[in-house]
Structure formats: C-alpha cells, structure tokens
Amino acid sequence: MSTPKESPKESPEESEEFPRSPEEARVDIELTRQELGDTAQALAHKLNVPARAKEQAQQRAAQVKGQAQQRATQVKGQLKHGTAKATEIVRGNPVPFIVSGAVVAVAVGGVITWKVRH
C-alpha cells in the first residue's frame, strides 16, 4: 500500500505572510522588533515582584483614600442634615430646651458651690 504524498510546504516566497519587497521586509522587521520589545518589557515587569507589590500597595492606598473621602462627605452631609433638623425642632418648641438648660445650669452651680464649701 502506498501512502499519499504530502504536498510540499510552501516556500517563504510563496507564503502570503512573507513580505514581497525589501521595504515590506524592513517594515515587518521593525514591527517584530517593537513587539519583541513590548513583550520583553511586560516580562520584566512581571518578574519585578517588589515593584509590582509596591504598585499594588499604592493602588490599594489610593482606593482606601478615595473610600475614606467619600465616607467623610457622606458623614458631613448627615451631620449637616441632623443639625438642621435639631435646630428646626428647638425652634418649633423651645420651652423644654430652655427648662433643660436651666436645670443643667442649676445643677452645675450646685456642684461648684458644694465643692467650694467642702
């Protein structure tokens, strides 16, 4: 039994990917050099563990800082709203707050007087 002959492989000149002119070859070589350079840089970056760890730490710190600023803004807004609401309540019915203030003033005065005498 005979096996079918394999078709001969295309020579580089016949390949569609092979540059057809010296100028195309130069362009192809330059592109290949750029790709190789990019690949080498990416590989060097992956192998530089301390630099990657530092980079990740900086990214995490920036993320935490952003979250903290966002939370601070939220708290300020809530505090402002709470203060406005408390002011509104006091203005709506000031008598209980005046009485409470007077009681506290009398209590503080009594404690000071007692401390001075004893």
C-alpha atoms as a PDB file:
ATOM      1  CA  MET A   1       0.000   0.000   0.000  1.00  0.00           C
ATOM      2  CA  SER A   2       1.238   3.366  -0.789  1.00  0.00           C
ATOM      3  CA  THR A   3       0.614   6.457   1.241  1.00  0.00           C
ATOM      4  CA  PRO A   4      -0.428   9.614  -0.466  1.00  0.00           C
ATOM      5  CA  LYS A   5       2.369  12.081  -0.899  1.00  0.00           C
ATOM      6  CA  GLU A   6       2.225  15.133   1.271  1.00  0.00           C
ATOM      7  CA  SER A   7       2.020  18.324  -0.623  1.00  0.00           C
ATOM      8  CA  PRO A   8       5.295  20.200  -0.490  1.00  0.00           C
ATOM      9  CA  LYS A   9       5.367  23.033   2.014  1.00  0.00           C
ATOM     10  CA  GLU A  10       5.215  26.485   0.598  1.00  0.00           C
ATOM     11  CA  SER A  11       8.477  28.288   0.337  1.00  0.00           C
ATOM     12  CA  PRO A  12       8.688  31.644   2.136  1.00  0.00           C
ATOM     13  CA  GLU A  13       8.413  33.419  -1.199  1.00  0.00           C
ATOM     14  CA  GLU A  14       5.070  31.736  -1.888  1.00  0.00           C
ATOM     15  CA  SER A  15       3.611  32.413   1.549  1.00  0.00           C
ATOM     16  CA  GLU A  16       1.135  35.272   1.724  1.00  0.00           C
ATOM     17  CA  GLU A  17       2.613  36.388   5.055  1.00  0.00           C
ATOM     18  CA  PHE A  18       6.122  36.759   3.717  1.00  0.00           C
ATOM     19  CA  PRO A  19       6.974  40.300   2.621  1.00  0.00           C
ATOM     20  CA  ARG A  20       7.035  40.636  -1.122  1.00  0.00           C
ATOM     21  CA  SER A  21       9.533  43.512  -1.295  1.00  0.00           C
ATOM     22  CA  PRO A  22      12.594  44.692   0.661  1.00  0.00           C
ATOM     23  CA  GLU A  23      10.574  47.635   2.009  1.00  0.00           C
ATOM     24  CA  GLU A  24       7.879  45.263   3.301  1.00  0.00           C
ATOM     25  CA  ALA A  25      10.616  43.172   4.902  1.00  0.00           C
ATOM     26  CA  ARG A  26      12.027  46.254   6.677  1.00  0.00           C
ATOM     27  CA  VAL A  27       8.583  47.225   7.944  1.00  0.00           C
ATOM     28  CA  ASP A  28       7.945  43.650   9.077  1.00  0.00           C
ATOM     29  CA  ILE A  29      11.301  43.536  10.890  1.00  0.00           C
ATOM     30  CA  GLU A  30      10.616  46.869  12.614  1.00  0.00           C
ATOM     31  CA  LEU A  31       7.164  45.733  13.759  1.00  0.00           C
ATOM     32  CA  THR A  32       8.629  42.476  15.036  1.00  0.00           C
ATOM     33  CA  ARG A  33      11.299  44.415  16.973  1.00  0.00           C
ATOM     34  CA  GLN A  34       8.649  46.633  18.554  1.00  0.00           C
ATOM     35  CA  GLU A  35       6.524  43.636  19.534  1.00  0.00           C
ATOM     36  CA  LEU A  36       9.572  41.874  20.959  1.00  0.00           C
ATOM     37  CA  GLY A  37      10.497  44.996  22.935  1.00  0.00           C
ATOM     38  CA  ASP A  38       6.964  45.271  24.328  1.00  0.00           C
ATOM     39  CA  THR A  39       6.995  41.581  25.245  1.00  0.00           C
ATOM     40  CA  ALA A  40      10.373  41.939  26.963  1.00  0.00           C
ATOM     41  CA  GLN A  41       9.119  44.944  28.947  1.00  0.00           C
ATOM     42  CA  ALA A  42       5.984  43.092  30.023  1.00  0.00           C
ATOM     43  CA  LEU A  43       8.043  40.084  31.082  1.00  0.00           C
ATOM     44  CA  ALA A  44      10.498  42.256  33.021  1.00  0.00           C
ATOM     45  CA  HIS A  45       7.565  43.936  34.771  1.00  0.00           C
ATOM     46  CA  LYS A  46       6.076  40.563  35.741  1.00  0.00           C
ATOM     47  CA  LEU A  47       9.405  39.361  37.093  1.00  0.00           C
ATOM     48  CA  ASN A  48       9.960  42.515  39.184  1.00  0.00           C
ATOM     49  CA  VAL A  49       7.957  41.370  42.215  1.00  0.00           C
ATOM     50  CA  PRO A  50       8.973  44.196  44.609  1.00  0.00           C
ATOM     51  CA  ALA A  51       7.919  46.845  42.101  1.00  0.00           C
ATOM     52  CA  ARG A  52       4.605  45.078  41.471  1.00  0.00           C
ATOM     53  CA  ALA A  53       3.961  44.769  45.212  1.00  0.00           C
ATOM     54  CA  LYS A  54       4.706  48.475  45.676  1.00  0.00           C
ATOM     55  CA  GLU A  55       2.430  49.320  42.747  1.00  0.00           C
ATOM     56  CA  GLN A  56      -0.396  47.238  44.208  1.00  0.00           C
ATOM     57  CA  ALA A  57       0.085  48.848  47.631  1.00  0.00           C
ATOM     58  CA  GLN A  58      -0.106  52.314  46.070  1.00  0.00           C
ATOM     59  CA  GLN A  59      -3.256  51.372  44.186  1.00  0.00           C
ATOM     60  CA  ARG A  60      -4.853  49.988  47.356  1.00  0.00           C
ATOM     61  CA  ALA A  61      -3.858  53.095  49.342  1.00  0.00           C
ATOM     62  CA  ALA A  62      -5.419  55.327  46.690  1.00  0.00           C
ATOM     63  CA  GLN A  63      -8.564  53.204  46.740  1.00  0.00           C
ATOM     64  CA  VAL A  64      -8.828  53.373  50.549  1.00  0.00           C
ATOM     65  CA  LYS A  65      -8.206  57.132  50.485  1.00  0.00           C
ATOM     66  CA  GLY A  66     -10.984  57.575  47.936  1.00  0.00           C
ATOM     67  CA  GLN A  67     -13.379  55.492  50.024  1.00  0.00           C
ATOM     68  CA  ALA A  68     -12.478  57.482  53.157  1.00  0.00           C
ATOM     69  CA  GLN A  69     -13.103  60.784  51.371  1.00  0.00           C
ATOM     70  CA  GLN A  70     -16.425  59.509  50.087  1.00  0.00           C
ATOM     71  CA  ARG A  71     -17.459  58.368  53.579  1.00  0.00           C
ATOM     72  CA  ALA A  72     -16.364  61.698  55.097  1.00  0.00           C
ATOM     73  CA  THR A  73     -18.536  63.529  52.582  1.00  0.00           C
ATOM     74  CA  GLN A  74     -21.489  61.305  53.490  1.00  0.00           C
ATOM     75  CA  VAL A  75     -20.978  61.872  57.226  1.00  0.00           C
ATOM     76  CA  LYS A  76     -20.718  65.656  56.727  1.00  0.00           C
ATOM     77  CA  GLY A  77     -23.982  65.598  54.814  1.00  0.00           C
ATOM     78  CA  GLN A  78     -25.694  63.543  57.512  1.00  0.00           C
ATOM     79  CA  LEU A  79     -24.321  65.805  60.250  1.00  0.00           C
ATOM     80  CA  LYS A  80     -25.496  68.914  58.422  1.00  0.00           C
ATOM     81  CA  HIS A  81     -28.940  67.368  57.979  1.00  0.00           C
ATOM     82  CA  GLY A  82     -29.071  66.330  61.663  1.00  0.00           C
ATOM     83  CA  THR A  83     -28.039  69.789  62.842  1.00  0.00           C
ATOM     84  CA  ALA A  84     -30.666  71.425  60.652  1.00  0.00           C
ATOM     85  CA  LYS A  85     -33.312  69.040  61.954  1.00  0.00           C
ATOM     86  CA  ALA A  86     -32.317  69.655  65.601  1.00  0.00           C
ATOM     87  CA  THR A  87     -32.449  73.414  65.040  1.00  0.00           C
ATOM     88  CA  GLU A  88     -35.883  73.049  63.484  1.00  0.00           C
ATOM     89  CA  ILE A  89     -37.126  71.010  66.460  1.00  0.00           C
ATOM     90  CA  VAL A  90     -35.785  73.519  69.006  1.00  0.00           C
ATOM     91  CA  ARG A  91     -37.290  76.461  67.119  1.00  0.00           C
ATOM     92  CA  GLY A  92     -40.607  74.637  66.877  1.00  0.00           C
ATOM     93  CA  ASN A  93     -40.894  74.154  70.664  1.00  0.00           C
ATOM     94  CA  PRO A  94     -38.107  75.876  72.632  1.00  0.00           C
ATOM     95  CA  VAL A  95     -39.669  75.622  76.129  1.00  0.00           C
ATOM     96  CA  PRO A  96     -38.434  72.087  77.006  1.00  0.00           C
ATOM     97  CA  PHE A  97     -34.917  73.003  75.920  1.00  0.00           C
ATOM     98  CA  ILE A  98     -34.923  76.232  77.944  1.00  0.00           C
ATOM     99  CA  VAL A  99     -36.104  74.323  81.019  1.00  0.00           C
ATOM    100  CA  SER A 100     -33.471  71.614  80.471  1.00  0.00           C
ATOM    101  CA  GLY A 101     -30.762  74.271  80.125  1.00  0.00           C
ATOM    102  CA  ALA A 102     -31.880  75.937  83.346  1.00  0.00           C
ATOM    103  CA  VAL A 103     -31.842  72.610  85.219  1.00  0.00           C
ATOM    104  CA  VAL A 104     -28.317  71.869  83.984  1.00  0.00           C
ATOM    105  CA  ALA A 105     -27.155  75.375  84.989  1.00  0.00           C
ATOM    106  CA  VAL A 106     -28.610  74.978  88.500  1.00  0.00           C
ATOM    107  CA  ALA A 107     -27.022  71.526  88.843  1.00  0.00           C
ATOM    108  CA  VAL A 108     -23.585  72.798  87.760  1.00  0.00           C
ATOM    109  CA  GLY A 109     -23.918  75.771  90.101  1.00  0.00           C
ATOM    110  CA  GLY A 110     -24.851  73.438  92.965  1.00  0.00           C
ATOM    111  CA  VAL A 111     -21.861  71.164  92.328  1.00  0.00           C
ATOM    112  CA  ILE A 112     -19.476  74.139  92.231  1.00  0.00           C
ATOM    113  CA  THR A 113     -20.922  75.560  95.452  1.00  0.00           C
ATOM    114  CA  TRP A 114     -20.664  72.193  97.200  1.00  0.00           C
ATOM    115  CA  LYS A 115     -17.019  71.744  96.051  1.00  0.00           C
ATOM    116  CA  VAL A 116     -16.073  75.219  97.328  1.00  0.00           C
ATOM    117  CA  ARG A 117     -17.599  74.599 100.780  1.00  0.00           C
ATOM    118  CA  HIS A 118     -16.091  71.142 101.263  1.00  0.00           C
END
